C-alpha cells in the first residue's frame, strides 16, 4: 500500500510528546502517528468494525516483500511464506 503525504501542525509540547513516544517505541515519528491513529480508530469504533483489525496487519517485516505481486504462488504453497520469514529472521553472518 502506498503512503500519501499528510501535513499536520503541532505545537512544541505535542511535538516533544511525539518525539519521546517515537523514541520509546523505537519507531519513526510518522509510524508512531499512524499507529496512534489506528489504535484510536479501533477504540472509537470498538467491535463495530472488525475490518479495522486488518489495518497494519501486513506490515510485518518477516513477510515477503513481494507478497502483493506473488500472492497466488504463496497461496498455493504457504510454506514458501514461512521459508522467506525464516531467512529474514536469521542473524546475518559477519565475515
PDB file of N, CA and C in Angstrom:
ATOM      1  N   UNK A   1       0.856  -1.167   0.000  1.00  0.00           N
ATOM      2  CA  UNK A   1       0.000   0.000   0.000  1.00  0.00           C
ATOM      3  C   UNK A   1       0.903   1.231   0.000  1.00  0.00           C
ATOM      4  N   UNK A   2       0.682   2.138  -0.920  1.00  0.00           N
ATOM      5  CA  UNK A   2       1.494   3.343  -0.968  1.00  0.00           C
ATOM      6  C   UNK A   2       0.995   4.349   0.059  1.00  0.00           C
ATOM      7  N   UNK A   3       1.921   5.113   0.558  1.00  0.00           N
ATOM      8  CA  UNK A   3       1.593   6.114   1.559  1.00  0.00           C
ATOM      9  C   UNK A   3       1.494   7.477   0.881  1.00  0.00           C
ATOM     10  N   UNK A   4       0.512   8.249   1.297  1.00  0.00           N
ATOM     11  CA  UNK A   4       0.309   9.576   0.755  1.00  0.00           C
ATOM     12  C   UNK A   4       0.721  10.613   1.793  1.00  0.00           C
ATOM     13  N   UNK A   5       1.334  11.712   1.365  1.00  0.00           N
ATOM     14  CA  UNK A   5       1.757  12.726   2.330  1.00  0.00           C
ATOM     15  C   UNK A   5       0.560  13.409   2.989  1.00  0.00           C
ATOM     16  N   UNK A   6       0.740  13.759   4.252  1.00  0.00           N
ATOM     17  CA  UNK A   6      -0.291  14.445   5.015  1.00  0.00           C
ATOM     18  C   UNK A   6       0.422  15.343   6.015  1.00  0.00           C
ATOM     19  N   UNK A   7       0.114  16.605   5.978  1.00  0.00           N
ATOM     20  CA  UNK A   7       0.807  17.570   6.828  1.00  0.00           C
ATOM     21  C   UNK A   7      -0.024  17.889   8.065  1.00  0.00           C
ATOM     22  N   UNK A   8       0.640  17.913   9.215  1.00  0.00           N
ATOM     23  CA  UNK A   8      -0.012  18.219  10.488  1.00  0.00           C
ATOM     24  C   UNK A   8       0.817  19.271  11.212  1.00  0.00           C
ATOM     25  N   UNK A   9       0.160  20.254  11.789  1.00  0.00           N
ATOM     26  CA  UNK A   9       0.845  21.265  12.577  1.00  0.00           C
ATOM     27  C   UNK A   9       0.712  20.920  14.051  1.00  0.00           C
ATOM     28  N   UNK A  10       1.843  20.830  14.752  1.00  0.00           N
ATOM     29  CA  UNK A  10       1.864  20.521  16.173  1.00  0.00           C
ATOM     30  C   UNK A  10       2.523  21.662  16.931  1.00  0.00           C
ATOM     31  N   UNK A  11       2.017  21.928  18.140  1.00  0.00           N
ATOM     32  CA  UNK A  11       2.717  22.914  18.958  1.00  0.00           C
ATOM     33  C   UNK A  11       3.943  22.235  19.558  1.00  0.00           C
ATOM     34  N   UNK A  12       4.786  22.986  20.243  1.00  0.00           N
ATOM     35  CA  UNK A  12       6.046  22.453  20.754  1.00  0.00           C
ATOM     36  C   UNK A  12       5.823  21.306  21.744  1.00  0.00           C
ATOM     37  N   UNK A  13       4.819  21.443  22.592  1.00  0.00           N
ATOM     38  CA  UNK A  13       4.542  20.382  23.569  1.00  0.00           C
ATOM     39  C   UNK A  13       4.175  19.076  22.870  1.00  0.00           C
ATOM     40  N   UNK A  14       3.228  19.131  21.927  1.00  0.00           N
ATOM     41  CA  UNK A  14       2.820  17.916  21.209  1.00  0.00           C
ATOM     42  C   UNK A  14       3.983  17.334  20.418  1.00  0.00           C
ATOM     43  N   UNK A  15       4.813  18.196  19.867  1.00  0.00           N
ATOM     44  CA  UNK A  15       5.982  17.737  19.100  1.00  0.00           C
ATOM     45  C   UNK A  15       6.949  16.978  20.006  1.00  0.00           C
ATOM     46  N   UNK A  16       7.138  17.486  21.232  1.00  0.00           N
ATOM     47  CA  UNK A  16       8.012  16.820  22.199  1.00  0.00           C
ATOM     48  C   UNK A  16       7.430  15.479  22.634  1.00  0.00           C
ATOM     49  N   UNK A  17       6.113  15.454  22.852  1.00  0.00           N
ATOM     50  CA  UNK A  17       5.446  14.208  23.239  1.00  0.00           C
ATOM     51  C   UNK A  17       5.638  13.168  22.134  1.00  0.00           C
ATOM     52  N   UNK A  18       5.438  13.571  20.893  1.00  0.00           N
ATOM     53  CA  UNK A  18       5.593  12.663  19.759  1.00  0.00           C
ATOM     54  C   UNK A  18       7.024  12.149  19.664  1.00  0.00           C
ATOM     55  N   UNK A  19       7.992  13.036  19.813  1.00  0.00           N
ATOM     56  CA  UNK A  19       9.395  12.632  19.715  1.00  0.00           C
ATOM     57  C   UNK A  19       9.754  11.630  20.812  1.00  0.00           C
ATOM     58  N   UNK A  20       9.336  11.887  22.048  1.00  0.00           N
ATOM     59  CA  UNK A  20       9.639  10.977  23.158  1.00  0.00           C
ATOM     60  C   UNK A  20       8.950   9.623  22.957  1.00  0.00           C
ATOM     61  N   UNK A  21       7.689   9.656  22.536  1.00  0.00           N
ATOM     62  CA  UNK A  21       6.947   8.416  22.325  1.00  0.00           C
ATOM     63  C   UNK A  21       7.573   7.584  21.214  1.00  0.00           C
ATOM     64  N   UNK A  22       7.917   8.225  20.111  1.00  0.00           N
ATOM     65  CA  UNK A  22       8.539   7.509  18.989  1.00  0.00           C
ATOM     66  C   UNK A  22       9.855   6.874  19.415  1.00  0.00           C
ATOM     67  N   UNK A  23      10.645   7.607  20.170  1.00  0.00           N
ATOM     68  CA  UNK A  23      11.930   7.071  20.635  1.00  0.00           C
ATOM     69  C   UNK A  23      11.708   5.889  21.572  1.00  0.00           C
ATOM     70  N   UNK A  24      10.750   6.023  22.460  1.00  0.00           N
ATOM     71  CA  UNK A  24      10.450   4.956  23.416  1.00  0.00           C
ATOM     72  C   UNK A  24       9.963   3.690  22.711  1.00  0.00           C
ATOM     73  N   UNK A  25       9.175   3.858  21.650  1.00  0.00           N
ATOM     74  CA  UNK A  25       8.645   2.721  20.907  1.00  0.00           C
ATOM     75  C   UNK A  25       9.622   2.177  19.872  1.00  0.00           C
ATOM     76  N   UNK A  26      10.661   2.956  19.560  1.00  0.00           N
ATOM     77  CA  UNK A  26      11.604   2.530  18.539  1.00  0.00           C
ATOM     78  C   UNK A  26      11.047   2.655  17.137  1.00  0.00           C
ATOM     79  N   UNK A  27      10.130   3.608  16.961  1.00  0.00           N
ATOM     80  CA  UNK A  27       9.502   3.838  15.661  1.00  0.00           C
ATOM     81  C   UNK A  27       9.840   5.232  15.170  1.00  0.00           C
ATOM     82  N   UNK A  28       9.638   5.448  13.877  1.00  0.00           N
ATOM     83  CA  UNK A  28       9.753   6.809  13.363  1.00  0.00           C
ATOM     84  C   UNK A  28       8.556   7.612  13.871  1.00  0.00           C
ATOM     85  N   UNK A  29       8.675   8.919  13.827  1.00  0.00           N
ATOM     86  CA  UNK A  29       7.553   9.746  14.259  1.00  0.00           C
ATOM     87  C   UNK A  29       6.343   9.515  13.360  1.00  0.00           C
ATOM     88  N   UNK A  30       6.563   9.333  12.075  1.00  0.00           N
ATOM     89  CA  UNK A  30       5.455   9.093  11.148  1.00  0.00           C
ATOM     90  C   UNK A  30       4.742   7.786  11.482  1.00  0.00           C
ATOM     91  N   UNK A  31       5.517   6.718  11.754  1.00  0.00           N
ATOM     92  CA  UNK A  31       4.896   5.430  12.086  1.00  0.00           C
ATOM     93  C   UNK A  31       4.186   5.509  13.431  1.00  0.00           C
ATOM     94  N   UNK A  32       4.711   6.305  14.355  1.00  0.00           N
ATOM     95  CA  UNK A  32       4.058   6.489  15.649  1.00  0.00           C
ATOM     96  C   UNK A  32       2.701   7.149  15.469  1.00  0.00           C
ATOM     97  N   UNK A  33       2.626   8.154  14.602  1.00  0.00           N
ATOM     98  CA  UNK A  33       1.351   8.823  14.328  1.00  0.00           C
ATOM     99  C   UNK A  33       0.378   7.840  13.681  1.00  0.00           C
ATOM    100  N   UNK A  34       0.860   7.040  12.717  1.00  0.00           N
ATOM    101  CA  UNK A  34      -0.019   6.063  12.068  1.00  0.00           C
ATOM    102  C   UNK A  34      -0.538   5.038  13.075  1.00  0.00           C
ATOM    103  N   UNK A  35       0.339   4.550  13.940  1.00  0.00           N
ATOM    104  CA  UNK A  35      -0.067   3.558  14.945  1.00  0.00           C
ATOM    105  C   UNK A  35      -1.088   4.154  15.907  1.00  0.00           C
ATOM    106  N   UNK A  36      -0.873   5.407  16.312  1.00  0.00           N
ATOM    107  CA  UNK A  36      -1.812   6.061  17.220  1.00  0.00           C
ATOM    108  C   UNK A  36      -3.173   6.243  16.551  1.00  0.00           C
ATOM    109  N   UNK A  37      -3.168   6.612  15.291  1.00  0.00           N
ATOM    110  CA  UNK A  37      -4.418   6.787  14.557  1.00  0.00           C
ATOM    111  C   UNK A  37      -5.179   5.473  14.458  1.00  0.00           C
ATOM    112  N   UNK A  38      -4.464   4.389  14.154  1.00  0.00           N
ATOM    113  CA  UNK A  38      -5.105   3.070  14.060  1.00  0.00           C
ATOM    114  C   UNK A  38      -5.704   2.646  15.405  1.00  0.00           C
ATOM    115  N   UNK A  39      -4.930   2.861  16.456  1.00  0.00           N
ATOM    116  CA  UNK A  39      -5.414   2.463  17.778  1.00  0.00           C
ATOM    117  C   UNK A  39      -6.632   3.281  18.184  1.00  0.00           C
ATOM    118  N   UNK A  40      -6.573   4.573  17.939  1.00  0.00           N
ATOM    119  CA  UNK A  40      -7.700   5.445  18.279  1.00  0.00           C
ATOM    120  C   UNK A  40      -8.937   5.044  17.475  1.00  0.00           C
ATOM    121  N   UNK A  41      -8.744   4.725  16.189  1.00  0.00           N
ATOM    122  CA  UNK A  41      -9.866   4.306  15.345  1.00  0.00           C
ATOM    123  C   UNK A  41     -10.498   3.036  15.901  1.00  0.00           C
ATOM    124  N   UNK A  42      -9.681   2.095  16.387  1.00  0.00           N
ATOM    125  CA  UNK A  42     -10.217   0.869  16.972  1.00  0.00           C
ATOM    126  C   UNK A  42     -10.997   1.170  18.247  1.00  0.00           C
ATOM    127  N   UNK A  43     -10.465   2.050  19.073  1.00  0.00           N
ATOM    128  CA  UNK A  43     -11.147   2.381  20.320  1.00  0.00           C
ATOM    129  C   UNK A  43     -12.478   3.073  20.069  1.00  0.00           C
ATOM    130  N   UNK A  44     -12.503   3.980  19.104  1.00  0.00           N
ATOM    131  CA  UNK A  44     -13.726   4.718  18.796  1.00  0.00           C
ATOM    132  C   UNK A  44     -14.761   3.784  18.169  1.00  0.00           C
ATOM    133  N   UNK A  45     -14.317   2.948  17.227  1.00  0.00           N
ATOM    134  CA  UNK A  45     -15.239   2.054  16.538  1.00  0.00           C
ATOM    135  C   UNK A  45     -15.594   0.840  17.391  1.00  0.00           C
ATOM    136  N   UNK A  46     -14.714   0.489  18.326  1.00  0.00           N
ATOM    137  CA  UNK A  46     -14.956  -0.687  19.152  1.00  0.00           C
ATOM    138  C   UNK A  46     -15.071  -1.935  18.308  1.00  0.00           C
ATOM    139  N   UNK A  47     -15.998  -2.804  18.657  1.00  0.00           N
ATOM    140  CA  UNK A  47     -16.176  -4.054  17.911  1.00  0.00           C
ATOM    141  C   UNK A  47     -17.108  -3.871  16.723  1.00  0.00           C
ATOM    142  N   UNK A  48     -17.547  -2.654  16.487  1.00  0.00           N
ATOM    143  CA  UNK A  48     -18.499  -2.407  15.404  1.00  0.00           C
ATOM    144  C   UNK A  48     -17.880  -2.610  14.024  1.00  0.00           C
ATOM    145  N   UNK A  49     -16.580  -2.447  13.891  1.00  0.00           N
ATOM    146  CA  UNK A  49     -15.945  -2.546  12.579  1.00  0.00           C
ATOM    147  C   UNK A  49     -14.761  -3.506  12.628  1.00  0.00           C
ATOM    148  N   UNK A  50     -14.982  -4.791  12.414  1.00  0.00           N
ATOM    149  CA  UNK A  50     -13.892  -5.761  12.508  1.00  0.00           C
ATOM    150  C   UNK A  50     -12.815  -5.560  11.442  1.00  0.00           C
ATOM    151  N   UNK A  51     -13.124  -4.848  10.371  1.00  0.00           N
ATOM    152  CA  UNK A  51     -12.119  -4.608   9.333  1.00  0.00           C
ATOM    153  C   UNK A  51     -10.983  -3.733   9.834  1.00  0.00           C
ATOM    154  N   UNK A  52     -11.238  -2.925  10.872  1.00  0.00           N
ATOM    155  CA  UNK A  52     -10.161  -2.102  11.410  1.00  0.00           C
ATOM    156  C   UNK A  52      -9.032  -2.961  11.965  1.00  0.00           C
ATOM    157  N   UNK A  53      -9.336  -4.195  12.346  1.00  0.00           N
ATOM    158  CA  UNK A  53      -8.295  -5.085  12.842  1.00  0.00           C
ATOM    159  C   UNK A  53      -7.298  -5.452  11.749  1.00  0.00           C
ATOM    160  N   UNK A  54      -7.690  -5.307  10.499  1.00  0.00           N
ATOM    161  CA  UNK A  54      -6.791  -5.637   9.395  1.00  0.00           C
ATOM    162  C   UNK A  54      -5.773  -4.539   9.114  1.00  0.00           C
ATOM    163  N   UNK A  55      -6.051  -3.325   9.584  1.00  0.00           N
ATOM    164  CA  UNK A  55      -5.144  -2.210   9.322  1.00  0.00           C
ATOM    165  C   UNK A  55      -3.784  -2.529   9.913  1.00  0.00           C
ATOM    166  N   UNK A  56      -2.778  -2.463   9.080  1.00  0.00           N
ATOM    167  CA  UNK A  56      -1.418  -2.713   9.517  1.00  0.00           C
ATOM    168  C   UNK A  56      -1.049  -4.172   9.663  1.00  0.00           C
ATOM    169  N   UNK A  57      -1.971  -5.076   9.406  1.00  0.00           N
ATOM    170  CA  UNK A  57      -1.692  -6.497   9.615  1.00  0.00           C
ATOM    171  C   UNK A  57      -0.641  -7.033   8.642  1.00  0.00           C
ATOM    172  N   UNK A  58      -0.421  -6.366   7.543  1.00  0.00           N
ATOM    173  CA  UNK A  58       0.566  -6.828   6.572  1.00  0.00           C
ATOM    174  C   UNK A  58       1.876  -6.049   6.669  1.00  0.00           C
ATOM    175  N   UNK A  59       2.046  -5.284   7.750  1.00  0.00           N
ATOM    176  CA  UNK A  59       3.267  -4.509   7.931  1.00  0.00           C
ATOM    177  C   UNK A  59       4.387  -5.320   8.570  1.00  0.00           C
ATOM    178  N   UNK A  60       4.165  -6.600   8.785  1.00  0.00           N
ATOM    179  CA  UNK A  60       5.147  -7.463   9.428  1.00  0.00           C
ATOM    180  C   UNK A  60       6.377  -7.591   8.522  1.00  0.00           C
ATOM    181  N   UNK A  61       7.555  -7.162   8.999  1.00  0.00           N
ATOM    182  CA  UNK A  61       8.749  -7.215   8.151  1.00  0.00           C
ATOM    183  C   UNK A  61       9.199  -8.629   7.810  1.00  0.00           C
ATOM    184  N   UNK A  62       8.675  -9.642   8.512  1.00  0.00           N
ATOM    185  CA  UNK A  62       9.073 -11.010   8.189  1.00  0.00           C
ATOM    186  C   UNK A  62       8.316 -11.563   6.984  1.00  0.00           C
ATOM    187  N   UNK A  63       7.269 -10.866   6.545  1.00  0.00           N
ATOM    188  CA  UNK A  63       6.538 -11.307   5.352  1.00  0.00           C
ATOM    189  C   UNK A  63       7.347 -10.977   4.105  1.00  0.00           C
ATOM    190  N   UNK A  64       7.188 -11.753   3.060  1.00  0.00           N
ATOM    191  CA  UNK A  64       7.929 -11.490   1.823  1.00  0.00           C
ATOM    192  C   UNK A  64       7.589 -10.113   1.258  1.00  0.00           C
ATOM    193  N   UNK A  65       8.604  -9.411   0.799  1.00  0.00           N
ATOM    194  CA  UNK A  65       8.412  -8.076   0.239  1.00  0.00           C
ATOM    195  C   UNK A  65       7.588  -8.123  -1.049  1.00  0.00           C
ATOM    196  N   UNK A  66       7.586  -9.249  -1.729  1.00  0.00           N
ATOM    197  CA  UNK A  66       6.865  -9.377  -2.992  1.00  0.00           C
ATOM    198  C   UNK A  66       5.506 -10.062  -2.817  1.00  0.00           C
ATOM    199  N   UNK A  67       4.978 -10.088  -1.605  1.00  0.00           N
ATOM    200  CA  UNK A  67       3.720 -10.784  -1.331  1.00  0.00           C
ATOM    201  C   UNK A  67       2.564 -10.243  -2.177  1.00  0.00           C
ATOM    202  N   UNK A  68       2.538  -8.942  -2.406  1.00  0.00           N
ATOM    203  CA  UNK A  68       1.419  -8.376  -3.166  1.00  0.00           C
ATOM    204  C   UNK A  68       1.459  -8.780  -4.639  1.00  0.00           C
ATOM    205  N   UNK A  69       2.634  -9.047  -5.164  1.00  0.00           N
ATOM    206  CA  UNK A  69       2.730  -9.413  -6.578  1.00  0.00           C
ATOM    207  C   UNK A  69       2.756 -10.924  -6.805  1.00  0.00           C
ATOM    208  N   UNK A  70       3.173 -11.690  -5.786  1.00  0.00           N
ATOM    209  CA  UNK A  70       3.262 -13.148  -5.946  1.00  0.00           C
ATOM    210  C   UNK A  70       2.282 -13.868  -5.029  1.00  0.00           C
ATOM    211  N   UNK A  71       1.191 -13.207  -4.658  1.00  0.00           N
ATOM    212  CA  UNK A  71       0.237 -13.775  -3.706  1.00  0.00           C
ATOM    213  C   UNK A  71      -0.320 -15.120  -4.139  1.00  0.00           C
ATOM    214  N   UNK A  72      -0.533 -15.312  -5.438  1.00  0.00           N
ATOM    215  CA  UNK A  72      -1.057 -16.597  -5.910  1.00  0.00           C
ATOM    216  C   UNK A  72      -0.079 -17.732  -5.626  1.00  0.00           C
ATOM    217  N   UNK A  73       1.205 -17.475  -5.863  1.00  0.00           N
ATOM    218  CA  UNK A  73       2.211 -18.502  -5.606  1.00  0.00           C
ATOM    219  C   UNK A  73       2.258 -18.847  -4.123  1.00  0.00           C
ATOM    220  N   UNK A  74       2.200 -17.823  -3.286  1.00  0.00           N
ATOM    221  CA  UNK A  74       2.244 -18.061  -1.845  1.00  0.00           C
ATOM    222  C   UNK A  74       0.959 -18.732  -1.353  1.00  0.00           C
ATOM    223  N   UNK A  75      -0.156 -18.474  -2.002  1.00  0.00           N
ATOM    224  CA  UNK A  75      -1.413 -19.109  -1.605  1.00  0.00           C
ATOM    225  C   UNK A  75      -1.389 -20.601  -1.917  1.00  0.00           C
ATOM    226  N   UNK A  76      -0.770 -20.961  -3.045  1.00  0.00           N
ATOM    227  CA  UNK A  76      -0.665 -22.369  -3.431  1.00  0.00           C
ATOM    228  C   UNK A  76       0.337 -23.086  -2.531  1.00  0.00           C
ATOM    229  N   UNK A  77       1.421 -22.401  -2.189  1.00  0.00           N
ATOM    230  CA  UNK A  77       2.456 -23.000  -1.354  1.00  0.00           C
ATOM    231  C   UNK A  77       2.722 -22.096  -0.151  1.00  0.00           C
ATOM    232  N   UNK A  78       1.851 -22.130   0.871  1.00  0.00           N
ATOM    233  CA  UNK A  78       2.001 -21.239   2.023  1.00  0.00           C
ATOM    234  C   UNK A  78       3.294 -21.452   2.785  1.00  0.00           C
ATOM    235  N   UNK A  79       3.928 -22.608   2.640  1.00  0.00           N
ATOM    236  CA  UNK A  79       5.196 -22.814   3.342  1.00  0.00           C
ATOM    237  C   UNK A  79       6.287 -21.913   2.777  1.00  0.00           C
ATOM    238  N   UNK A  80       6.107 -21.432   1.554  1.00  0.00           N
ATOM    239  CA  UNK A  80       7.085 -20.515   0.972  1.00  0.00           C
ATOM    240  C   UNK A  80       7.151 -19.223   1.775  1.00  0.00           C
ATOM    241  N   UNK A  81       6.020 -18.773   2.290  1.00  0.00           N
ATOM    242  CA  UNK A  81       5.999 -17.564   3.110  1.00  0.00           C
ATOM    243  C   UNK A  81       6.809 -17.812   4.378  1.00  0.00           C
ATOM    244  N   UNK A  82       6.637 -18.966   4.979  1.00  0.00           N
ATOM    245  CA  UNK A  82       7.386 -19.286   6.198  1.00  0.00           C
ATOM    246  C   UNK A  82       8.885 -19.367   5.919  1.00  0.00           C
ATOM    247  N   UNK A  83       9.254 -19.939   4.767  1.00  0.00           N
ATOM    248  CA  UNK A  83      10.679 -20.031   4.441  1.00  0.00           C
ATOM    249  C   UNK A  83      11.292 -18.654   4.291  1.00  0.00           C
ATOM    250  N   UNK A  84      10.589 -17.735   3.627  1.00  0.00           N
ATOM    251  CA  UNK A  84      11.092 -16.368   3.474  1.00  0.00           C
ATOM    252  C   UNK A  84      11.208 -15.706   4.838  1.00  0.00           C
ATOM    253  N   UNK A  85      10.206 -15.887   5.687  1.00  0.00           N
ATOM    254  CA  UNK A  85      10.222 -15.294   7.025  1.00  0.00           C
ATOM    255  C   UNK A  85      11.384 -15.848   7.839  1.00  0.00           C
ATOM    256  N   UNK A  86      11.646 -17.142   7.730  1.00  0.00           N
ATOM    257  CA  UNK A  86      12.749 -17.748   8.480  1.00  0.00           C
ATOM    258  C   UNK A  86      14.086 -17.202   8.008  1.00  0.00           C
ATOM    259  N   UNK A  87      14.249 -17.051   6.688  1.00  0.00           N
ATOM    260  CA  UNK A  87      15.506 -16.498   6.171  1.00  0.00           C
ATOM    261  C   UNK A  87      15.728 -15.093   6.693  1.00  0.00           C
ATOM    262  N   UNK A  88      14.666 -14.310   6.772  1.00  0.00           N
ATOM    263  CA  UNK A  88      14.802 -12.922   7.227  1.00  0.00           C
ATOM    264  C   UNK A  88      15.060 -12.829   8.724  1.00  0.00           C
ATOM    265  N   UNK A  89      14.616 -13.797   9.486  1.00  0.00           N
ATOM    266  CA  UNK A  89      14.774 -13.726  10.936  1.00  0.00           C
ATOM    267  C   UNK A  89      16.132 -14.235  11.403  1.00  0.00           C
ATOM    268  N   UNK A  90      16.868 -14.930  10.533  1.00  0.00           N
ATOM    269  CA  UNK A  90      18.187 -15.422  10.918  1.00  0.00           C
ATOM    270  C   UNK A  90      19.176 -14.265  10.988  1.00  0.00           C
ATOM    271  N   UNK A  91      20.056 -14.262  11.999  1.00  0.00           N
ATOM    272  CA  UNK A  91      21.081 -13.216  12.054  1.00  0.00           C
ATOM    273  C   UNK A  91      22.075 -13.393  10.909  1.00  0.00           C
ATOM    274  N   UNK A  92      22.504 -12.287  10.365  1.00  0.00           N
ATOM    275  CA  UNK A  92      23.468 -12.355   9.269  1.00  0.00           C
ATOM    276  C   UNK A  92      24.856 -12.693   9.818  1.00  0.00           C
ATOM    277  N   UNK A  93      25.567 -13.494   9.056  1.00  0.00           N
ATOM    278  CA  UNK A  93      26.919 -13.845   9.450  1.00  0.00           C
ATOM    279  C   UNK A  93      27.860 -12.733   9.022  1.00  0.00           C
ATOM    280  N   UNK A  94      28.767 -12.386   9.911  1.00  0.00           N
ATOM    281  CA  UNK A  94      29.749 -11.357   9.569  1.00  0.00           C
ATOM    282  C   UNK A  94      31.030 -12.045   9.132  1.00  0.00           C
ATOM    283  N   UNK A  95      31.657 -11.519   8.089  1.00  0.00           N
ATOM    284  CA  UNK A  95      32.868 -12.178   7.566  1.00  0.00           C
ATOM    285  C   UNK A  95      34.037 -12.039   8.515  1.00  0.00           C
TER     286      UNK A  95
END
